[in-house]
Amino acid sequence: LLNEGVEWDRLAKAALEKLEVEFAIRIYRNMKNVSMVWSLEGIKDIEDKKLMSGHISMLLGDYNQAQDLYLQSSQPLEALNMRRDLLQWDQALTLADRLSTAEIPMISREYGQQLEFTGDYPAALAHYERGLLAPGGQAGKALLDTSSAARMDVEGGIPDLEQEHNTACKAGIARMALRCGDMRKGLAICQEMKSRQLNRECAEILENIKQFGEAAQLYETANYYDKAAYLYIKLKNWTKIGQILPHISSSKIQLQFAKAKEADGKYKEAVVAYEAARDYDNAVRLLLDKLNDPENAVRIVKQTKSTEGAKMVAKFFQKLNDYTSA
């Protein structure tokens, strides 16, 4: 009669409802349900019946009943832990406000991260701000108490976990402020934190909302020079591209810059950019036609073995009737 898995499962649940945990373990072991066996083994010796019943209700998926039972038990914080594990942040915050206000900043940060992921940026901003810890406050001490591996920052004496928590909150505030249109606030936090990762994240946000100038500056600050140059080209800010040209690895960007400088009549800068872009023939052309600098043109031809460049040099000297150099 009990060969069907459904019937065995019903029997196990009936045993749990009567708190017959040992019997339920035997059934789940017979069903090869390792996770339930492992979970039940961990609670079978609990003497507080309300607490045990809470655990069982949670394992059976009746979370509201589990919360009620936890709150009546000797360990009401288990209700809060359950809601956190389930990522049910509204309920977790309500319970934290009632049971442990020191937990609110950590829950607020986690809730903010979820809201950011789902795109509710104003609510995420509010929770990131609520999550900030005051140095040495009770919430910070609670955070340290949750980890036996809590460490102390040698230089500033600020606990690492507290600092990491506030760093995550501030980064979240910066991102959400930008998404909500408060550029001054977001950029101020970026400047304060000096985080390469945060600068890139915020630059990407600004780029997506077409704030190219501010995005380019953040990319540049974070040493993402190619990304910065790409935006500076959109803005036709050739001065900035010239300043970061030695750091640019994209030959396409270097070539665009070279053509722009040539069109602007700034041939020396154009030659440098053409060389950087490995467009040696155009570099030779400008050196000969615009700068009257055959010495550097010859240098490039010798270094690169450019056939086309060699022809241009030969033609240049032939015009001067200098057949020996040609």
Protein backbone atom coordinates (compact mmCIF):
# COMPACT_ATOMS: atom_id res chain seq x y z
CA LEU A 1 0.00 0.00 0.00
CA LEU A 2 2.85 2.39 0.82
CA ASN A 3 4.99 1.74 -2.22
CA GLU A 4 3.94 5.01 -3.82
CA GLY A 5 6.15 8.00 -2.98
CA VAL A 6 3.10 10.23 -2.46
CA GLU A 7 1.76 7.99 0.28
CA TRP A 8 5.13 7.85 2.04
CA ASP A 9 5.31 11.63 1.90
CA ARG A 10 1.84 11.98 3.41
CA LEU A 11 2.79 9.60 6.22
CA ALA A 12 5.99 11.56 6.94
CA LYS A 13 4.10 14.86 7.11
CA ALA A 14 1.47 13.34 9.37
CA ALA A 15 4.26 12.16 11.69
CA LEU A 16 5.77 15.65 11.73
CA GLU A 17 2.43 17.26 12.56
CA LYS A 18 2.39 15.06 15.67
CA LEU A 19 6.06 15.93 16.35
CA GLU A 20 7.09 12.32 15.73
CA VAL A 21 10.41 13.47 14.31
CA GLU A 22 12.32 10.18 14.70
CA PHE A 23 9.59 8.30 12.82
CA ALA A 24 9.57 10.97 10.07
CA ILE A 25 13.35 10.65 9.74
CA ARG A 26 13.01 6.89 9.17
CA ILE A 27 10.40 7.49 6.46
CA TYR A 28 12.44 10.17 4.66
CA ARG A 29 15.54 8.00 4.89
CA ASN A 30 13.56 5.19 3.25
CA MET A 31 12.49 7.68 0.55
CA LYS A 32 16.16 8.71 0.12
CA ASN A 33 15.20 12.33 0.83
CA VAL A 34 18.62 13.34 2.12
CA SER A 35 17.87 17.04 2.64
CA MET A 36 14.85 16.35 4.89
CA VAL A 37 16.77 13.73 6.87
CA TRP A 38 19.61 16.18 7.39
CA SER A 39 17.25 19.01 8.40
CA LEU A 40 15.28 16.87 10.84
CA GLU A 41 18.40 15.42 12.41
CA GLY A 42 19.33 19.01 13.30
CA ILE A 43 16.12 19.71 15.23
CA LYS A 44 15.14 16.33 16.71
CA ASP A 45 16.66 17.07 20.13
CA ILE A 46 15.05 20.50 20.60
CA GLU A 47 13.07 20.56 23.84
CA ASP A 48 11.07 23.72 23.14
CA LYS A 49 7.98 22.34 21.37
CA LYS A 50 7.00 25.70 19.94
CA LEU A 51 10.45 26.14 18.48
CA MET A 52 10.48 22.61 17.07
CA SER A 53 6.99 23.12 15.62
CA GLY A 54 8.18 26.35 14.03
CA HIS A 55 11.05 24.55 12.33
CA ILE A 56 8.72 21.81 11.12
CA SER A 57 6.21 24.31 9.73
CA MET A 58 9.01 26.06 7.89
CA LEU A 59 10.26 22.76 6.42
CA LEU A 60 6.71 21.99 5.26
CA GLY A 61 6.40 25.42 3.64
CA ASP A 62 3.83 26.96 6.00
CA TYR A 63 5.81 30.12 6.71
CA ASN A 64 3.08 32.16 8.37
CA GLN A 65 2.42 29.41 10.88
CA ALA A 66 6.16 28.98 11.37
CA GLN A 67 6.49 32.67 12.19
CA ASP A 68 3.66 32.53 14.72
CA LEU A 69 5.24 29.51 16.41
CA TYR A 70 8.71 31.05 16.46
CA LEU A 71 7.35 34.20 18.07
CA GLN A 72 5.80 32.09 20.82
CA SER A 73 9.01 30.14 21.37
CA SER A 74 12.13 30.84 23.38
CA GLN A 75 13.90 32.02 20.20
CA PRO A 76 11.62 34.55 18.45
CA LEU A 77 14.51 35.80 16.32
CA GLU A 78 14.15 32.59 14.28
CA ALA A 79 11.11 34.24 12.68
CA LEU A 80 13.30 37.11 11.52
CA ASN A 81 16.01 34.74 10.28
CA MET A 82 13.41 32.78 8.30
CA ARG A 83 12.05 35.87 6.54
CA ARG A 84 15.59 36.96 5.69
CA ASP A 85 16.42 33.53 4.28
CA LEU A 86 13.25 33.71 2.18
CA LEU A 87 14.24 37.20 0.95
CA GLN A 88 10.94 38.52 2.27
CA TRP A 89 12.34 41.87 3.26
CA ASP A 90 9.15 43.74 4.16
CA GLN A 91 8.23 41.10 6.72
CA ALA A 92 11.85 40.93 7.90
CA LEU A 93 11.94 44.69 8.52
CA THR A 94 8.66 44.56 10.43
CA LEU A 95 10.03 41.79 12.64
CA ALA A 96 13.38 43.56 13.10
CA ASP A 97 11.60 46.70 14.23
CA ARG A 98 9.85 44.60 16.85
CA LEU A 99 12.58 42.15 17.87
CA SER A 100 15.99 43.62 17.03
CA THR A 101 16.34 47.16 15.70
CA ALA A 102 20.10 46.61 15.36
CA GLU A 103 19.33 44.28 12.43
CA ILE A 104 17.51 46.97 10.44
CA PRO A 105 20.56 48.45 8.62
CA MET A 106 21.73 45.04 7.36
CA ILE A 107 18.23 44.08 6.22
CA SER A 108 17.77 47.48 4.58
CA ARG A 109 20.96 47.02 2.60
CA GLU A 110 19.91 43.55 1.43
CA TYR A 111 16.44 44.85 0.56
CA GLY A 112 18.00 47.74 -1.34
CA GLN A 113 20.05 45.31 -3.42
CA GLN A 114 16.94 43.34 -4.35
CA LEU A 115 14.99 46.49 -5.23
CA GLU A 116 17.88 47.73 -7.37
CA PHE A 117 17.91 44.40 -9.22
CA THR A 118 14.17 44.60 -9.91
CA GLY A 119 14.41 48.25 -11.03
CA ASP A 120 12.63 50.02 -8.17
CA TYR A 121 15.33 52.65 -7.85
CA PRO A 122 13.63 55.23 -5.56
CA ALA A 123 12.77 52.51 -3.00
CA ALA A 124 16.26 51.04 -3.31
CA LEU A 125 17.77 54.47 -2.63
CA ALA A 126 15.65 54.86 0.51
CA HIS A 127 16.74 51.46 1.85
CA TYR A 128 20.42 51.99 1.06
CA GLU A 129 20.26 55.27 2.99
CA ARG A 130 18.48 53.57 5.86
CA GLY A 131 21.20 50.94 5.90
CA LEU A 132 24.08 53.29 6.71
CA LEU A 133 25.67 52.55 10.07
CA ALA A 134 26.80 55.20 12.52
CA PRO A 135 30.43 54.50 13.57
CA GLY A 136 30.50 52.49 16.79
CA GLY A 137 26.71 52.25 16.97
CA GLN A 138 24.66 49.32 18.24
CA ALA A 139 23.85 48.15 14.73
CA GLY A 140 27.54 47.99 13.90
CA LYS A 141 28.18 45.93 17.02
CA ALA A 142 25.36 43.59 16.03
CA LEU A 143 26.95 43.16 12.61
CA LEU A 144 30.26 42.23 14.23
CA ASP A 145 28.55 39.80 16.57
CA THR A 146 27.19 37.85 13.59
CA SER A 147 30.69 36.82 12.53
CA SER A 148 33.33 35.14 14.64
CA ALA A 149 35.79 36.20 11.96
CA ALA A 150 35.27 39.92 12.58
CA ARG A 151 38.49 41.79 12.06
CA MET A 152 39.85 45.20 13.00
CA ASP A 153 41.22 47.65 10.48
CA VAL A 154 44.76 48.30 11.64
CA GLU A 155 45.04 51.88 10.45
CA GLY A 156 41.69 53.40 11.32
CA GLY A 157 40.48 51.09 14.05
CA ILE A 158 37.13 50.71 12.25
CA PRO A 159 35.81 47.16 12.14
CA ASP A 160 36.18 45.74 8.63
CA LEU A 161 32.65 44.37 8.47
CA GLU A 162 31.13 47.70 9.44
CA GLN A 163 33.27 49.49 6.88
CA GLU A 164 32.39 46.98 4.15
CA HIS A 165 28.70 47.35 4.96
CA ASN A 166 28.81 51.15 4.74
CA THR A 167 30.85 50.97 1.54
CA ALA A 168 28.16 48.79 -0.05
CA CYS A 169 25.43 51.18 1.11
CA LYS A 170 27.24 54.27 -0.16
CA ALA A 171 27.89 52.63 -3.51
CA GLY A 172 24.20 51.76 -3.73
CA ILE A 173 23.23 55.34 -2.85
CA ALA A 174 25.53 56.67 -5.58
CA ARG A 175 24.07 54.37 -8.25
CA MET A 176 20.46 55.00 -7.22
CA ALA A 177 20.96 58.75 -6.92
CA LEU A 178 22.15 58.84 -10.52
CA ARG A 179 19.26 56.67 -11.69
CA CYS A 180 16.83 58.97 -9.86
CA GLY A 181 18.33 62.08 -11.45
CA ASP A 182 20.36 63.40 -8.52
CA MET A 183 23.68 63.65 -10.36
CA ARG A 184 25.33 65.96 -7.84
CA LYS A 185 24.82 63.48 -5.01
CA GLY A 186 25.90 60.45 -7.03
CA LEU A 187 29.04 62.08 -8.40
CA ALA A 188 29.97 63.46 -4.96
CA ILE A 189 29.93 59.93 -3.51
CA CYS A 190 32.04 58.65 -6.41
CA GLN A 191 34.59 61.37 -5.73
CA GLU A 192 34.56 60.57 -2.01
CA MET A 193 34.94 56.81 -2.33
CA LYS A 194 37.55 56.72 -5.11
CA SER A 195 36.47 53.20 -6.07
CA ARG A 196 37.40 52.06 -9.58
CA GLN A 197 34.52 49.61 -9.67
CA LEU A 198 31.97 52.17 -8.50
CA ASN A 199 33.25 54.74 -10.97
CA ARG A 200 32.76 52.27 -13.79
CA GLU A 201 29.27 51.27 -12.61
CA CYS A 202 28.20 54.90 -12.35
CA ALA A 203 29.81 55.75 -15.69
CA GLU A 204 27.75 53.00 -17.34
CA ILE A 205 24.58 54.39 -15.76
CA LEU A 206 25.40 57.91 -16.97
CA GLU A 207 26.25 56.64 -20.44
CA ASN A 208 22.90 54.85 -20.66
CA ILE A 209 21.04 58.05 -19.80
CA LYS A 210 23.20 59.96 -22.33
CA GLN A 211 25.12 62.05 -19.81
CA PHE A 212 28.26 61.51 -21.87
CA GLY A 213 30.47 64.21 -20.35
CA GLU A 214 30.14 63.00 -16.77
CA ALA A 215 30.34 59.37 -17.89
CA ALA A 216 33.57 60.00 -19.79
CA GLN A 217 35.14 61.68 -16.77
CA LEU A 218 34.29 58.71 -14.54
CA TYR A 219 35.64 56.23 -17.10
CA GLU A 220 38.83 58.26 -17.28
CA THR A 221 39.12 58.41 -13.47
CA ALA A 222 38.71 54.63 -13.35
CA ASN A 223 41.41 54.20 -16.03
CA TYR A 224 38.99 52.86 -18.65
CA TYR A 225 40.58 55.09 -21.25
CA ASP A 226 39.11 53.51 -24.37
CA LYS A 227 35.59 53.89 -23.01
CA ALA A 228 36.32 57.48 -22.03
CA ALA A 229 37.76 58.24 -25.46
CA TYR A 230 34.74 56.73 -27.20
CA LEU A 231 32.49 59.22 -25.36
CA TYR A 232 34.88 62.13 -25.85
CA ILE A 233 34.65 61.45 -29.59
CA LYS A 234 30.86 61.66 -29.37
CA LEU A 235 31.34 65.02 -27.66
CA LYS A 236 34.04 66.05 -30.16
CA ASN A 237 36.26 66.84 -27.20
CA TRP A 238 39.56 66.31 -29.04
CA THR A 239 41.55 68.07 -26.33
CA LYS A 240 40.67 65.39 -23.77
CA ILE A 241 41.40 62.60 -26.25
CA GLY A 242 44.80 64.13 -26.88
CA GLN A 243 45.51 64.14 -23.15
CA ILE A 244 44.73 60.45 -22.72
CA LEU A 245 46.02 59.30 -26.13
CA PRO A 246 49.08 57.47 -24.67
CA HIS A 247 46.70 55.29 -22.63
CA ILE A 248 44.31 54.44 -25.49
CA SER A 249 44.71 50.93 -26.91
CA SER A 250 41.97 51.06 -29.56
CA SER A 251 43.50 51.78 -32.98
CA LYS A 252 40.03 52.73 -34.25
CA ILE A 253 39.79 55.57 -31.71
CA GLN A 254 43.37 56.67 -32.37
CA LEU A 255 42.62 56.78 -36.11
CA GLN A 256 39.49 58.89 -35.57
CA PHE A 257 41.52 61.29 -33.48
CA ALA A 258 44.25 61.46 -36.11
CA LYS A 259 41.77 62.30 -38.88
CA ALA A 260 40.13 64.96 -36.73
CA LYS A 261 43.50 66.57 -35.97
CA GLU A 262 44.47 66.49 -39.63
CA ALA A 263 41.17 68.13 -40.60
CA ASP A 264 41.87 70.78 -37.96
CA GLY A 265 45.30 71.45 -39.45
CA LYS A 266 47.18 70.18 -36.38
CA TYR A 267 49.49 67.93 -38.34
CA LYS A 268 52.09 67.13 -35.66
CA GLU A 269 49.42 65.79 -33.33
CA ALA A 270 47.85 63.93 -36.26
CA VAL A 271 51.17 62.22 -37.06
CA VAL A 272 51.54 61.04 -33.46
CA ALA A 273 47.99 59.63 -33.55
CA TYR A 274 48.50 57.97 -36.94
CA GLU A 275 51.62 56.27 -35.59
CA ALA A 276 49.77 55.16 -32.48
CA ALA A 277 47.02 53.73 -34.72
CA ARG A 278 49.71 51.98 -36.84
CA ASP A 279 48.55 53.88 -39.93
CA TYR A 280 52.13 54.56 -40.95
CA ASP A 281 51.44 55.53 -44.54
CA ASN A 282 49.28 58.47 -43.50
CA ALA A 283 51.90 59.47 -40.94
CA VAL A 284 54.55 59.50 -43.68
CA ARG A 285 52.22 61.43 -46.01
CA LEU A 286 51.71 64.22 -43.46
CA LEU A 287 55.39 64.39 -42.56
CA LEU A 288 56.27 64.91 -46.21
CA ASP A 289 53.35 66.93 -47.55
CA LYS A 290 52.46 69.12 -44.57
CA LEU A 291 55.42 69.21 -42.21
CA ASN A 292 58.33 68.95 -44.66
CA ASP A 293 60.01 66.48 -42.31
CA PRO A 294 61.62 63.80 -44.50
CA GLU A 295 63.92 62.69 -41.68
CA ASN A 296 61.08 61.33 -39.55
CA ALA A 297 59.32 59.99 -42.64
CA VAL A 298 62.43 57.96 -43.49
CA ARG A 299 62.62 56.77 -39.87
CA ILE A 300 59.07 55.41 -40.04
CA VAL A 301 59.69 53.72 -43.41
CA LYS A 302 62.84 52.02 -42.10
CA GLN A 303 61.09 50.86 -38.93
CA THR A 304 57.94 49.59 -40.62
CA LYS A 305 59.28 48.44 -44.02
CA SER A 306 56.27 50.16 -45.59
CA THR A 307 56.35 49.83 -49.40
CA GLU A 308 53.83 52.63 -49.92
CA GLY A 309 55.72 54.85 -47.49
CA ALA A 310 58.98 54.18 -49.33
CA LYS A 311 57.36 55.24 -52.61
CA MET A 312 56.16 58.51 -51.07
CA VAL A 313 59.66 59.23 -49.70
CA ALA A 314 61.24 58.49 -53.08
CA LYS A 315 58.77 60.76 -54.87
CA PHE A 316 59.44 63.51 -52.32
CA PHE A 317 63.20 63.48 -52.98
CA GLN A 318 62.70 63.19 -56.74
CA LYS A 319 60.76 66.46 -56.64
CA LEU A 320 63.79 68.01 -54.98
CA ASN A 321 66.03 66.46 -57.65
CA ASP A 322 67.77 64.59 -54.83
CA TYR A 323 68.10 61.26 -56.60
CA THR A 324 70.74 59.97 -54.18
CA SER A 325 68.36 60.15 -51.18
CA ALA A 326 65.46 58.81 -53.27
